[in-house]
Amino acid sequence: MTDTSYLHRIEYFRRQDNGSLVREHVETADDHGWYIERTARWKDRYTRGCAEDFLARAGAPRGVYSVAVWRGGTRVCTVGLHWTG
């Protein structure tokens, strides 16, 4: 049995030319990394690292992304990311 106490939903929205955001990817991660430190700075840094890894594996197109992390219906953090591919 898997312990899902750190189950997160990560949503990747890419900014369109007209400024709107379109959700292009969603992943589920069972990861406690957001809680190593309780600061917003750490959560932002950790999210960027996770997002860069995922976008590279997914072969995501270049662009500006908004990455939102959720746990149990509560937003953990949201970061903006300029992805160059």
PDB file of N, CA and C in Angstrom:
ATOM      1  N   MET A   1       0.845  -1.182   0.000  1.00  0.00           N
ATOM      2  CA  MET A   1       0.000   0.000   0.000  1.00  0.00           C
ATOM      3  C   MET A   1       0.891   1.247   0.000  1.00  0.00           C
ATOM      4  N   THR A   2       0.501   2.234  -0.787  1.00  0.00           N
ATOM      5  CA  THR A   2       1.259   3.475  -0.893  1.00  0.00           C
ATOM      6  C   THR A   2       0.722   4.505   0.092  1.00  0.00           C
ATOM      7  N   ASP A   3       1.621   5.190   0.783  1.00  0.00           N
ATOM      8  CA  ASP A   3       1.238   6.276   1.673  1.00  0.00           C
ATOM      9  C   ASP A   3       1.052   7.528   0.817  1.00  0.00           C
ATOM     10  N   THR A   4      -0.157   8.055   0.750  1.00  0.00           N
ATOM     11  CA  THR A   4      -0.445   9.222  -0.090  1.00  0.00           C
ATOM     12  C   THR A   4      -0.613  10.491   0.745  1.00  0.00           C
ATOM     13  N   SER A   5       0.073  10.560   1.874  1.00  0.00           N
ATOM     14  CA  SER A   5      -0.082  11.720   2.738  1.00  0.00           C
ATOM     15  C   SER A   5       0.496  12.992   2.110  1.00  0.00           C
ATOM     16  N   TYR A   6       1.327  12.864   1.089  1.00  0.00           N
ATOM     17  CA  TYR A   6       1.904  14.027   0.422  1.00  0.00           C
ATOM     18  C   TYR A   6       1.503  14.077  -1.054  1.00  0.00           C
ATOM     19  N   LEU A   7       0.293  13.650  -1.350  1.00  0.00           N
ATOM     20  CA  LEU A   7      -0.196  13.650  -2.716  1.00  0.00           C
ATOM     21  C   LEU A   7      -0.529  15.077  -3.154  1.00  0.00           C
ATOM     22  N   HIS A   8       0.044  15.500  -4.283  1.00  0.00           N
ATOM     23  CA  HIS A   8      -0.157  16.849  -4.821  1.00  0.00           C
ATOM     24  C   HIS A   8      -0.613  16.773  -6.265  1.00  0.00           C
ATOM     25  N   ARG A   9      -1.365  17.781  -6.673  1.00  0.00           N
ATOM     26  CA  ARG A   9      -1.766  17.959  -8.072  1.00  0.00           C
ATOM     27  C   ARG A   9      -1.025  19.201  -8.557  1.00  0.00           C
ATOM     28  N   ILE A  10      -0.310  19.046  -9.668  1.00  0.00           N
ATOM     29  CA  ILE A  10       0.446  20.167 -10.235  1.00  0.00           C
ATOM     30  C   ILE A  10      -0.139  20.476 -11.601  1.00  0.00           C
ATOM     31  N   GLU A  11      -0.578  21.722 -11.767  1.00  0.00           N
ATOM     32  CA  GLU A  11      -1.208  22.149 -13.008  1.00  0.00           C
ATOM     33  C   GLU A  11      -0.296  23.144 -13.723  1.00  0.00           C
ATOM     34  N   TYR A  12      -0.157  22.940 -15.027  1.00  0.00           N
ATOM     35  CA  TYR A  12       0.715  23.772 -15.862  1.00  0.00           C
ATOM     36  C   TYR A  12      -0.138  24.537 -16.871  1.00  0.00           C
ATOM     37  N   PHE A  13      -0.180  25.846 -16.727  1.00  0.00           N
ATOM     38  CA  PHE A  13      -0.931  26.725 -17.617  1.00  0.00           C
ATOM     39  C   PHE A  13       0.065  27.509 -18.465  1.00  0.00           C
ATOM     40  N   ARG A  14      -0.137  27.538 -19.791  1.00  0.00           N
ATOM     41  CA  ARG A  14       0.746  28.310 -20.677  1.00  0.00           C
ATOM     42  C   ARG A  14       0.016  29.558 -21.150  1.00  0.00           C
ATOM     43  N   ARG A  15       0.710  30.695 -21.070  1.00  0.00           N
ATOM     44  CA  ARG A  15       0.138  31.974 -21.496  1.00  0.00           C
ATOM     45  C   ARG A  15       0.051  32.012 -23.010  1.00  0.00           C
ATOM     46  N   GLN A  16      -1.104  32.396 -23.510  1.00  0.00           N
ATOM     47  CA  GLN A  16      -1.357  32.510 -24.941  1.00  0.00           C
ATOM     48  C   GLN A  16      -1.017  33.926 -25.415  1.00  0.00           C
ATOM     49  N   ASP A  17      -0.972  34.122 -26.718  1.00  0.00           N
ATOM     50  CA  ASP A  17      -0.649  35.436 -27.282  1.00  0.00           C
ATOM     51  C   ASP A  17      -1.622  36.521 -26.822  1.00  0.00           C
ATOM     52  N   ASN A  18      -2.876  36.152 -26.572  1.00  0.00           N
ATOM     53  CA  ASN A  18      -3.872  37.138 -26.139  1.00  0.00           C
ATOM     54  C   ASN A  18      -3.861  37.371 -24.628  1.00  0.00           C
ATOM     55  N   GLY A  19      -2.919  36.725 -23.911  1.00  0.00           N
ATOM     56  CA  GLY A  19      -2.783  36.910 -22.468  1.00  0.00           C
ATOM     57  C   GLY A  19      -3.511  35.885 -21.619  1.00  0.00           C
ATOM     58  N   SER A  20      -4.384  35.105 -22.228  1.00  0.00           N
ATOM     59  CA  SER A  20      -5.121  34.100 -21.454  1.00  0.00           C
ATOM     60  C   SER A  20      -4.208  32.926 -21.102  1.00  0.00           C
ATOM     61  N   LEU A  21      -4.617  32.181 -20.091  1.00  0.00           N
ATOM     62  CA  LEU A  21      -3.878  30.984 -19.673  1.00  0.00           C
ATOM     63  C   LEU A  21      -4.677  29.748 -20.048  1.00  0.00           C
ATOM     64  N   VAL A  22      -3.984  28.755 -20.608  1.00  0.00           N
ATOM     65  CA  VAL A  22      -4.618  27.497 -20.978  1.00  0.00           C
ATOM     66  C   VAL A  22      -3.883  26.373 -20.249  1.00  0.00           C
ATOM     67  N   ARG A  23      -4.656  25.542 -19.533  1.00  0.00           N
ATOM     68  CA  ARG A  23      -4.033  24.414 -18.834  1.00  0.00           C
ATOM     69  C   ARG A  23      -3.627  23.378 -19.861  1.00  0.00           C
ATOM     70  N   GLU A  24      -2.331  23.104 -19.929  1.00  0.00           N
ATOM     71  CA  GLU A  24      -1.807  22.156 -20.918  1.00  0.00           C
ATOM     72  C   GLU A  24      -1.388  20.828 -20.316  1.00  0.00           C
ATOM     73  N   HIS A  25      -1.017  20.830 -19.053  1.00  0.00           N
ATOM     74  CA  HIS A  25      -0.548  19.598 -18.420  1.00  0.00           C
ATOM     75  C   HIS A  25      -1.029  19.554 -16.975  1.00  0.00           C
ATOM     76  N   VAL A  26      -1.220  18.328 -16.488  1.00  0.00           N
ATOM     77  CA  VAL A  26      -1.526  18.085 -15.079  1.00  0.00           C
ATOM     78  C   VAL A  26      -0.743  16.853 -14.674  1.00  0.00           C
ATOM     79  N   GLU A  27      -0.127  16.912 -13.508  1.00  0.00           N
ATOM     80  CA  GLU A  27       0.534  15.711 -12.992  1.00  0.00           C
ATOM     81  C   GLU A  27       0.190  15.546 -11.523  1.00  0.00           C
ATOM     82  N   THR A  28       0.301  14.325 -11.060  1.00  0.00           N
ATOM     83  CA  THR A  28       0.121  14.017  -9.651  1.00  0.00           C
ATOM     84  C   THR A  28       1.465  13.580  -9.105  1.00  0.00           C
ATOM     85  N   ALA A  29       1.842  14.144  -7.967  1.00  0.00           N
ATOM     86  CA  ALA A  29       3.127  13.805  -7.354  1.00  0.00           C
ATOM     87  C   ALA A  29       2.905  13.469  -5.888  1.00  0.00           C
ATOM     88  N   ASP A  30       3.468  12.366  -5.449  1.00  0.00           N
ATOM     89  CA  ASP A  30       3.450  11.994  -4.033  1.00  0.00           C
ATOM     90  C   ASP A  30       4.810  12.404  -3.490  1.00  0.00           C
ATOM     91  N   ASP A  31       4.898  13.631  -2.979  1.00  0.00           N
ATOM     92  CA  ASP A  31       6.190  14.252  -2.694  1.00  0.00           C
ATOM     93  C   ASP A  31       6.065  15.165  -1.478  1.00  0.00           C
ATOM     94  N   HIS A  32       6.976  15.038  -0.538  1.00  0.00           N
ATOM     95  CA  HIS A  32       6.948  15.887   0.662  1.00  0.00           C
ATOM     96  C   HIS A  32       7.872  17.099   0.532  1.00  0.00           C
ATOM     97  N   GLY A  33       8.480  17.289  -0.628  1.00  0.00           N
ATOM     98  CA  GLY A  33       9.475  18.349  -0.809  1.00  0.00           C
ATOM     99  C   GLY A  33       9.016  19.748  -0.466  1.00  0.00           C
ATOM    100  N   TRP A  34       7.726  20.039  -0.634  1.00  0.00           N
ATOM    101  CA  TRP A  34       7.229  21.377  -0.328  1.00  0.00           C
ATOM    102  C   TRP A  34       7.263  21.679   1.164  1.00  0.00           C
ATOM    103  N   TYR A  35       7.481  20.659   1.986  1.00  0.00           N
ATOM    104  CA  TYR A  35       7.413  20.840   3.434  1.00  0.00           C
ATOM    105  C   TYR A  35       8.770  20.691   4.117  1.00  0.00           C
ATOM    106  N   ILE A  36       9.849  20.613   3.331  1.00  0.00           N
ATOM    107  CA  ILE A  36      11.189  20.568   3.922  1.00  0.00           C
ATOM    108  C   ILE A  36      11.436  21.862   4.692  1.00  0.00           C
ATOM    109  N   GLU A  37      11.029  22.960   4.096  1.00  0.00           N
ATOM    110  CA  GLU A  37      11.024  24.263   4.765  1.00  0.00           C
ATOM    111  C   GLU A  37       9.626  24.844   4.607  1.00  0.00           C
ATOM    112  N   ARG A  38       9.200  25.642   5.531  1.00  0.00           N
ATOM    113  CA  ARG A  38       7.837  26.179   5.497  1.00  0.00           C
ATOM    114  C   ARG A  38       7.750  27.568   4.840  1.00  0.00           C
ATOM    115  N   THR A  39       8.849  28.063   4.295  1.00  0.00           N
ATOM    116  CA  THR A  39       8.836  29.411   3.736  1.00  0.00           C
ATOM    117  C   THR A  39       8.282  29.434   2.313  1.00  0.00           C
ATOM    118  N   ALA A  40       7.687  30.562   1.949  1.00  0.00           N
ATOM    119  CA  ALA A  40       7.178  30.731   0.584  1.00  0.00           C
ATOM    120  C   ALA A  40       8.328  30.672  -0.420  1.00  0.00           C
ATOM    121  N   ARG A  41       9.472  31.206  -0.051  1.00  0.00           N
ATOM    122  CA  ARG A  41      10.632  31.198  -0.954  1.00  0.00           C
ATOM    123  C   ARG A  41      11.036  29.762  -1.293  1.00  0.00           C
ATOM    124  N   TRP A  42      11.067  28.891  -0.299  1.00  0.00           N
ATOM    125  CA  TRP A  42      11.424  27.489  -0.543  1.00  0.00           C
ATOM    126  C   TRP A  42      10.386  26.814  -1.446  1.00  0.00           C
ATOM    127  N   LYS A  43       9.100  27.031  -1.158  1.00  0.00           N
ATOM    128  CA  LYS A  43       8.056  26.405  -1.963  1.00  0.00           C
ATOM    129  C   LYS A  43       8.151  26.850  -3.419  1.00  0.00           C
ATOM    130  N   ASP A  44       8.419  28.141  -3.644  1.00  0.00           N
ATOM    131  CA  ASP A  44       8.592  28.649  -5.014  1.00  0.00           C
ATOM    132  C   ASP A  44       9.786  27.978  -5.691  1.00  0.00           C
ATOM    133  N   ARG A  45      10.891  27.910  -4.989  1.00  0.00           N
ATOM    134  CA  ARG A  45      12.114  27.305  -5.544  1.00  0.00           C
ATOM    135  C   ARG A  45      11.892  25.823  -5.860  1.00  0.00           C
ATOM    136  N   TYR A  46      11.254  25.113  -4.946  1.00  0.00           N
ATOM    137  CA  TYR A  46      11.019  23.690  -5.141  1.00  0.00           C
ATOM    138  C   TYR A  46      10.073  23.460  -6.312  1.00  0.00           C
ATOM    139  N   THR A  47       9.029  24.280  -6.409  1.00  0.00           N
ATOM    140  CA  THR A  47       8.067  24.159  -7.508  1.00  0.00           C
ATOM    141  C   THR A  47       8.744  24.403  -8.847  1.00  0.00           C
ATOM    142  N   ARG A  48       9.608  25.400  -8.926  1.00  0.00           N
ATOM    143  CA  ARG A  48      10.329  25.678 -10.173  1.00  0.00           C
ATOM    144  C   ARG A  48      11.171  24.470 -10.594  1.00  0.00           C
ATOM    145  N   GLY A  49      11.854  23.860  -9.640  1.00  0.00           N
ATOM    146  CA  GLY A  49      12.665  22.685  -9.942  1.00  0.00           C
ATOM    147  C   GLY A  49      11.816  21.528 -10.452  1.00  0.00           C
ATOM    148  N   CYS A  50      10.688  21.283  -9.794  1.00  0.00           N
ATOM    149  CA  CYS A  50       9.779  20.215 -10.235  1.00  0.00           C
ATOM    150  C   CYS A  50       9.225  20.522 -11.618  1.00  0.00           C
ATOM    151  N   ALA A  51       8.856  21.779 -11.850  1.00  0.00           N
ATOM    152  CA  ALA A  51       8.271  22.176 -13.134  1.00  0.00           C
ATOM    153  C   ALA A  51       9.279  22.047 -14.265  1.00  0.00           C
ATOM    154  N   GLU A  52      10.504  22.486 -14.043  1.00  0.00           N
ATOM    155  CA  GLU A  52      11.532  22.376 -15.083  1.00  0.00           C
ATOM    156  C   GLU A  52      11.780  20.920 -15.446  1.00  0.00           C
ATOM    157  N   ASP A  53      11.806  20.055 -14.443  1.00  0.00           N
ATOM    158  CA  ASP A  53      11.986  18.623 -14.693  1.00  0.00           C
ATOM    159  C   ASP A  53      10.817  18.068 -15.506  1.00  0.00           C
ATOM    160  N   PHE A  54       9.587  18.377 -15.095  1.00  0.00           N
ATOM    161  CA  PHE A  54       8.415  17.854 -15.785  1.00  0.00           C
ATOM    162  C   PHE A  54       8.320  18.380 -17.212  1.00  0.00           C
ATOM    163  N   LEU A  55       8.479  19.689 -17.403  1.00  0.00           N
ATOM    164  CA  LEU A  55       8.347  20.270 -18.736  1.00  0.00           C
ATOM    165  C   LEU A  55       9.393  19.700 -19.694  1.00  0.00           C
ATOM    166  N   ALA A  56      10.593  19.428 -19.194  1.00  0.00           N
ATOM    167  CA  ALA A  56      11.626  18.812 -20.036  1.00  0.00           C
ATOM    168  C   ALA A  56      11.211  17.399 -20.434  1.00  0.00           C
ATOM    169  N   ARG A  57      10.734  16.609 -19.481  1.00  0.00           N
ATOM    170  CA  ARG A  57      10.310  15.235 -19.778  1.00  0.00           C
ATOM    171  C   ARG A  57       9.116  15.208 -20.725  1.00  0.00           C
ATOM    172  N   ALA A  58       8.227  16.197 -20.587  1.00  0.00           N
ATOM    173  CA  ALA A  58       7.013  16.243 -21.410  1.00  0.00           C
ATOM    174  C   ALA A  58       7.272  16.833 -22.794  1.00  0.00           C
ATOM    175  N   GLY A  59       8.460  17.391 -23.003  1.00  0.00           N
ATOM    176  CA  GLY A  59       8.748  18.039 -24.283  1.00  0.00           C
ATOM    177  C   GLY A  59       7.837  19.238 -24.520  1.00  0.00           C
ATOM    178  N   ALA A  60       7.554  19.965 -23.463  1.00  0.00           N
ATOM    179  CA  ALA A  60       6.621  21.089 -23.530  1.00  0.00           C
ATOM    180  C   ALA A  60       7.168  22.215 -24.404  1.00  0.00           C
ATOM    181  N   PRO A  61       6.277  22.925 -25.094  1.00  0.00           N
ATOM    182  CA  PRO A  61       6.716  24.040 -25.932  1.00  0.00           C
ATOM    183  C   PRO A  61       7.214  25.210 -25.091  1.00  0.00           C
ATOM    184  N   ARG A  62       8.054  26.020 -25.700  1.00  0.00           N
ATOM    185  CA  ARG A  62       8.541  27.225 -25.033  1.00  0.00           C
ATOM    186  C   ARG A  62       7.380  28.135 -24.684  1.00  0.00           C
ATOM    187  N   GLY A  63       7.580  28.941 -23.670  1.00  0.00           N
ATOM    188  CA  GLY A  63       6.553  29.916 -23.317  1.00  0.00           C
ATOM    189  C   GLY A  63       6.602  30.302 -21.855  1.00  0.00           C
ATOM    190  N   VAL A  64       5.633  31.108 -21.479  1.00  0.00           N
ATOM    191  CA  VAL A  64       5.482  31.539 -20.096  1.00  0.00           C
ATOM    192  C   VAL A  64       4.411  30.667 -19.461  1.00  0.00           C
ATOM    193  N   TYR A  65       4.754  30.048 -18.359  1.00  0.00           N
ATOM    194  CA  TYR A  65       3.850  29.134 -17.667  1.00  0.00           C
ATOM    195  C   TYR A  65       3.512  29.659 -16.273  1.00  0.00           C
ATOM    196  N   SER A  66       2.312  29.352 -15.851  1.00  0.00           N
ATOM    197  CA  SER A  66       1.902  29.517 -14.468  1.00  0.00           C
ATOM    198  C   SER A  66       1.744  28.103 -13.932  1.00  0.00           C
ATOM    199  N   VAL A  67       2.453  27.799 -12.860  1.00  0.00           N
ATOM    200  CA  VAL A  67       2.451  26.447 -12.301  1.00  0.00           C
ATOM    201  C   VAL A  67       1.812  26.506 -10.915  1.00  0.00           C
ATOM    202  N   ALA A  68       0.693  25.804 -10.761  1.00  0.00           N
ATOM    203  CA  ALA A  68      -0.033  25.799  -9.492  1.00  0.00           C
ATOM    204  C   ALA A  68       0.064  24.427  -8.850  1.00  0.00           C
ATOM    205  N   VAL A  69       0.372  24.421  -7.554  1.00  0.00           N
ATOM    206  CA  VAL A  69       0.480  23.179  -6.787  1.00  0.00           C
ATOM    207  C   VAL A  69      -0.657  23.143  -5.769  1.00  0.00           C
ATOM    208  N   TRP A  70      -1.369  22.022  -5.753  1.00  0.00           N
ATOM    209  CA  TRP A  70      -2.512  21.829  -4.863  1.00  0.00           C
ATOM    210  C   TRP A  70      -2.320  20.583  -4.007  1.00  0.00           C
ATOM    211  N   ARG A  71      -2.796  20.643  -2.789  1.00  0.00           N
ATOM    212  CA  ARG A  71      -2.815  19.462  -1.917  1.00  0.00           C
ATOM    213  C   ARG A  71      -4.163  19.424  -1.206  1.00  0.00           C
ATOM    214  N   GLY A  72      -4.930  18.402  -1.495  1.00  0.00           N
ATOM    215  CA  GLY A  72      -6.224  18.240  -0.833  1.00  0.00           C
ATOM    216  C   GLY A  72      -7.167  19.413  -1.037  1.00  0.00           C
ATOM    217  N   GLY A  73      -7.139  20.026  -2.205  1.00  0.00           N
ATOM    218  CA  GLY A  73      -8.028  21.151  -2.481  1.00  0.00           C
ATOM    219  C   GLY A  73      -7.529  22.493  -1.989  1.00  0.00           C
ATOM    220  N   THR A  74      -6.345  22.518  -1.384  1.00  0.00           N
ATOM    221  CA  THR A  74      -5.746  23.760  -0.893  1.00  0.00           C
ATOM    222  C   THR A  74      -4.530  24.095  -1.743  1.00  0.00           C
ATOM    223  N   ARG A  75      -4.462  25.339  -2.209  1.00  0.00           N
ATOM    224  CA  ARG A  75      -3.319  25.753  -3.017  1.00  0.00           C
ATOM    225  C   ARG A  75      -2.084  25.872  -2.130  1.00  0.00           C
ATOM    226  N   VAL A  76      -1.016  25.186  -2.524  1.00  0.00           N
ATOM    227  CA  VAL A  76       0.260  25.245  -1.812  1.00  0.00           C
ATOM    228  C   VAL A  76       1.045  26.465  -2.285  1.00  0.00           C
ATOM    229  N   CYS A  77       1.113  26.656  -3.605  1.00  0.00           N
ATOM    230  CA  CYS A  77       1.783  27.820  -4.170  1.00  0.00           C
ATOM    231  C   CYS A  77       1.532  27.884  -5.667  1.00  0.00           C
ATOM    232  N   THR A  78       1.827  29.036  -6.244  1.00  0.00           N
ATOM    233  CA  THR A  78       1.769  29.241  -7.686  1.00  0.00           C
ATOM    234  C   THR A  78       2.991  30.058  -8.078  1.00  0.00           C
ATOM    235  N   VAL A  79       3.659  29.627  -9.151  1.00  0.00           N
ATOM    236  CA  VAL A  79       4.841  30.368  -9.627  1.00  0.00           C
ATOM    237  C   VAL A  79       4.718  30.608 -11.116  1.00  0.00           C
ATOM    238  N   GLY A  80       5.366  31.666 -11.582  1.00  0.00           N
ATOM    239  CA  GLY A  80       5.497  31.927 -13.002  1.00  0.00           C
ATOM    240  C   GLY A  80       6.844  31.425 -13.471  1.00  0.00           C
ATOM    241  N   LEU A  81       6.890  30.919 -14.691  1.00  0.00           N
ATOM    242  CA  LEU A  81       8.122  30.318 -15.213  1.00  0.00           C
ATOM    243  C   LEU A  81       8.261  30.602 -16.699  1.00  0.00           C
ATOM    244  N   HIS A  82       9.411  31.145 -17.085  1.00  0.00           N
ATOM    245  CA  HIS A  82       9.727  31.337 -18.505  1.00  0.00           C
ATOM    246  C   HIS A  82      10.460  30.069 -18.951  1.00  0.00           C
ATOM    247  N   TRP A  83       9.781  29.230 -19.721  1.00  0.00           N
ATOM    248  CA  TRP A  83      10.337  27.949 -20.175  1.00  0.00           C
ATOM    249  C   TRP A  83      10.934  28.121 -21.558  1.00  0.00           C
ATOM    250  N   THR A  84      12.216  27.810 -21.690  1.00  0.00           N
ATOM    251  CA  THR A  84      12.890  27.942 -22.987  1.00  0.00           C
ATOM    252  C   THR A  84      13.087  26.616 -23.693  1.00  0.00           C
ATOM    253  N   GLY A  85      12.702  25.552 -23.032  1.00  0.00           N
ATOM    254  CA  GLY A  85      12.764  24.231 -23.674  1.00  0.00           C
ATOM    255  C   GLY A  85      14.088  23.566 -23.669  1.00  0.00           C
TER     256      GLY A  85
END
